[in-house]
Amino acid sequence: DKLVMIGDSITDTDRARPVGEGLFGGLGQGYVKIADALLQTSYPELGVRTVNMGISGNTVRDLKARWQTDVLDLQPDWLSIMIGTNDVWRQYDSPLMPETHVYPEEYEATLNELVERTKPVVKGIVLMTPFYIEPNRSDAMRRTMDRYGDIVRRTAERHGTLFADTQAEFDRL
């Protein structure tokens, strides 16, 4: 089986180009590499081929623009999506550039569309929440990030996909 993992810089982590796979850091230096190592050592009999298609700075809008080439054309059996950090962050680091902002309605509609397009052609999808390592839950950006995480949770429930609440894990730690 082939597992494609797509997202922003948290997924990218200096992966190989144009397709992030193979030896010598091809998967990057982040969670994709760790997930692949876990799969290869704990379940070598599965022979899972992991591909990293993260691109730093991406929003869900960017994923939609490259979905055909970076997901569907790769014909994955499994797909993992972690997106949303930049969708939130642009609202705070570039407040005077609203054209770069992806507000909750667009985020939810786009994520829903991508899952709908892909679900029929894969064995499964994992939706992972974006996260912000900020313990103060009343911080404005943290509250917004939590709202986007709720959108991911609802999308996973709506489509019956696997769900990973990364924000909850960072909060626990």
Protein backbone atom coordinates (compact mmCIF):
# COMPACT_ATOMS: atom_id res chain seq x y z
CA ASP A 1 0.00 0.00 0.00
CA LYS A 2 1.00 3.60 -0.59
CA LEU A 3 0.43 6.22 2.11
CA VAL A 4 0.46 9.84 0.94
CA MET A 5 0.81 12.46 3.66
CA ILE A 6 -0.05 16.03 2.63
CA GLY A 7 -0.04 19.37 4.41
CA ASP A 8 2.05 22.45 5.13
CA SER A 9 5.54 22.97 6.66
CA ILE A 10 4.72 20.69 9.59
CA THR A 11 4.43 17.89 7.03
CA ASP A 12 7.08 19.19 4.58
CA THR A 13 10.06 19.46 6.95
CA ASP A 14 12.58 19.70 4.10
CA ARG A 15 11.36 16.71 2.10
CA ALA A 16 12.75 15.76 -1.32
CA ARG A 17 11.34 17.42 -4.42
CA PRO A 18 9.28 16.93 -6.52
CA VAL A 19 8.03 13.88 -4.60
CA GLY A 20 9.07 13.31 -1.00
CA GLU A 21 10.16 9.72 -0.68
CA GLY A 22 13.19 7.49 -0.73
CA LEU A 23 16.52 7.53 1.02
CA PHE A 24 18.72 10.37 2.25
CA GLY A 25 16.03 12.45 3.90
CA GLY A 26 13.47 12.05 1.14
CA LEU A 27 10.62 12.05 3.67
CA GLY A 28 11.90 15.15 5.46
CA GLN A 29 12.82 15.42 9.12
CA GLY A 30 9.44 15.51 10.87
CA TYR A 31 6.44 13.42 11.76
CA VAL A 32 6.22 11.79 8.31
CA LYS A 33 9.68 10.30 8.78
CA ILE A 34 8.73 9.12 12.27
CA ALA A 35 5.44 7.59 11.07
CA ASP A 36 7.28 5.79 8.27
CA ALA A 37 9.92 4.49 10.70
CA LEU A 38 7.16 3.19 12.98
CA LEU A 39 5.42 1.46 10.07
CA GLN A 40 8.65 -0.07 8.74
CA THR A 41 9.84 -1.36 12.11
CA SER A 42 6.55 -2.41 13.70
CA TYR A 43 4.75 -3.67 10.60
CA PRO A 44 7.41 -4.54 8.01
CA GLU A 45 5.18 -7.24 6.55
CA LEU A 46 2.76 -4.55 5.32
CA GLY A 47 5.37 -3.03 3.00
CA VAL A 48 3.86 0.46 3.26
CA ARG A 49 5.37 3.01 0.87
CA THR A 50 5.20 6.47 2.46
CA VAL A 51 5.18 9.64 0.33
CA ASN A 52 5.48 13.16 1.77
CA MET A 53 3.68 15.86 -0.24
CA GLY A 54 3.78 18.68 2.32
CA ILE A 55 4.62 22.20 1.13
CA SER A 56 5.66 24.90 3.57
CA GLY A 57 3.25 27.83 3.78
CA ASN A 58 0.29 25.98 2.29
CA THR A 59 -3.32 26.49 3.28
CA VAL A 60 -6.28 24.26 2.43
CA ARG A 61 -6.79 26.54 -0.58
CA ASP A 62 -3.30 25.59 -1.83
CA LEU A 63 -4.00 21.89 -1.28
CA LYS A 64 -7.11 22.18 -3.43
CA ALA A 65 -5.08 23.76 -6.25
CA ARG A 66 -2.59 20.85 -6.28
CA TRP A 67 -4.89 18.01 -5.25
CA GLN A 68 -5.01 16.27 -8.63
CA THR A 69 -1.24 16.10 -9.14
CA ASP A 70 -0.12 15.75 -5.53
CA VAL A 71 -2.74 13.28 -4.34
CA LEU A 72 -5.02 11.71 -6.93
CA ASP A 73 -2.36 11.21 -9.62
CA LEU A 74 -0.16 9.43 -7.05
CA GLN A 75 -2.93 6.85 -6.55
CA PRO A 76 -2.57 6.42 -2.80
CA ASP A 77 -4.20 3.60 -0.89
CA TRP A 78 -4.18 5.71 2.27
CA LEU A 79 -4.12 9.47 2.76
CA SER A 80 -3.21 11.62 5.75
CA ILE A 81 -4.12 15.33 5.76
CA MET A 82 -2.78 17.86 8.27
CA ILE A 83 -3.63 21.40 7.21
CA GLY A 84 -4.87 24.54 8.91
CA THR A 85 -1.98 26.17 10.73
CA ASN A 86 -1.36 28.73 7.97
CA ASP A 87 -5.11 29.13 7.39
CA VAL A 88 -5.26 30.47 10.96
CA TRP A 89 -1.83 32.10 11.16
CA ARG A 90 -2.28 34.37 8.13
CA GLN A 91 -5.20 36.01 9.93
CA TYR A 92 -2.79 37.04 12.71
CA ASP A 93 0.57 37.59 11.00
CA SER A 94 -0.87 39.34 7.92
CA PRO A 95 -4.04 41.05 9.14
CA LEU A 96 -3.89 43.69 6.39
CA MET A 97 -3.84 41.05 3.63
CA PRO A 98 -7.33 39.53 3.82
CA GLU A 99 -6.93 37.89 0.40
CA THR A 100 -4.50 35.45 2.07
CA HIS A 101 -6.96 34.56 4.83
CA VAL A 102 -8.86 31.29 4.76
CA TYR A 103 -11.82 31.77 7.07
CA PRO A 104 -13.66 28.88 8.74
CA GLU A 105 -16.43 28.60 6.14
CA GLU A 106 -13.97 28.23 3.24
CA TYR A 107 -11.73 25.94 5.29
CA GLU A 108 -14.58 23.58 6.12
CA ALA A 109 -16.08 23.58 2.62
CA THR A 110 -12.70 22.94 0.98
CA LEU A 111 -11.62 20.21 3.40
CA ASN A 112 -15.01 18.55 2.96
CA GLU A 113 -14.67 18.72 -0.84
CA LEU A 114 -11.18 17.18 -0.81
CA VAL A 115 -12.31 14.31 1.41
CA GLU A 116 -15.39 13.71 -0.76
CA ARG A 117 -13.26 13.61 -3.93
CA THR A 118 -10.74 11.22 -2.43
CA LYS A 119 -12.70 8.89 -0.18
CA PRO A 120 -14.03 6.70 -3.04
CA VAL A 121 -10.53 5.94 -4.37
CA VAL A 122 -8.63 5.15 -1.15
CA LYS A 123 -8.88 2.56 1.61
CA GLY A 124 -8.85 5.23 4.28
CA ILE A 125 -8.14 8.83 5.22
CA VAL A 126 -6.65 10.22 8.42
CA LEU A 127 -7.58 13.81 9.26
CA MET A 128 -5.22 15.50 11.72
CA THR A 129 -5.99 18.74 13.51
CA PRO A 130 -3.79 21.78 13.11
CA PHE A 131 -2.22 22.85 16.40
CA TYR A 132 -0.77 25.83 18.18
CA ILE A 133 1.58 25.21 21.07
CA GLU A 134 0.07 27.81 23.37
CA PRO A 135 -1.18 26.69 26.78
CA ASN A 136 -3.38 29.79 27.25
CA ARG A 137 -6.63 28.63 25.69
CA SER A 138 -8.04 32.16 25.80
CA ASP A 139 -5.25 33.45 23.53
CA ALA A 140 -6.95 34.70 20.35
CA MET A 141 -4.91 32.61 17.93
CA ARG A 142 -5.25 29.52 20.12
CA ARG A 143 -9.05 29.96 20.24
CA THR A 144 -9.12 30.25 16.45
CA MET A 145 -6.91 27.18 16.04
CA ASP A 146 -9.24 25.22 18.30
CA ARG A 147 -12.17 26.28 16.10
CA TYR A 148 -10.36 24.91 13.01
CA GLY A 149 -9.58 21.72 14.93
CA ASP A 150 -13.31 21.35 15.62
CA ILE A 151 -13.92 21.66 11.87
CA VAL A 152 -11.47 18.79 11.26
CA ARG A 153 -13.23 16.68 13.91
CA ARG A 154 -16.66 17.35 12.36
CA THR A 155 -15.34 16.56 8.88
CA ALA A 156 -13.91 13.25 10.11
CA GLU A 157 -17.20 12.37 11.81
CA ARG A 158 -19.23 13.37 8.73
CA HIS A 159 -17.17 11.13 6.44
CA GLY A 160 -16.29 8.34 8.87
CA THR A 161 -12.55 8.89 8.47
CA LEU A 162 -9.84 8.30 11.03
CA PHE A 163 -9.15 11.30 13.25
CA ALA A 164 -6.03 12.42 15.14
CA ASP A 165 -6.35 15.31 17.58
CA THR A 166 -2.77 16.57 17.59
CA GLN A 167 -3.74 19.68 19.58
CA ALA A 168 -5.05 17.47 22.40
CA GLU A 169 -1.78 15.53 22.45
CA PHE A 170 0.31 18.71 22.65
CA ASP A 171 -2.00 19.97 25.42
CA ARG A 172 -1.50 16.71 27.31
CA LEU A 173 2.26 17.02 27.07
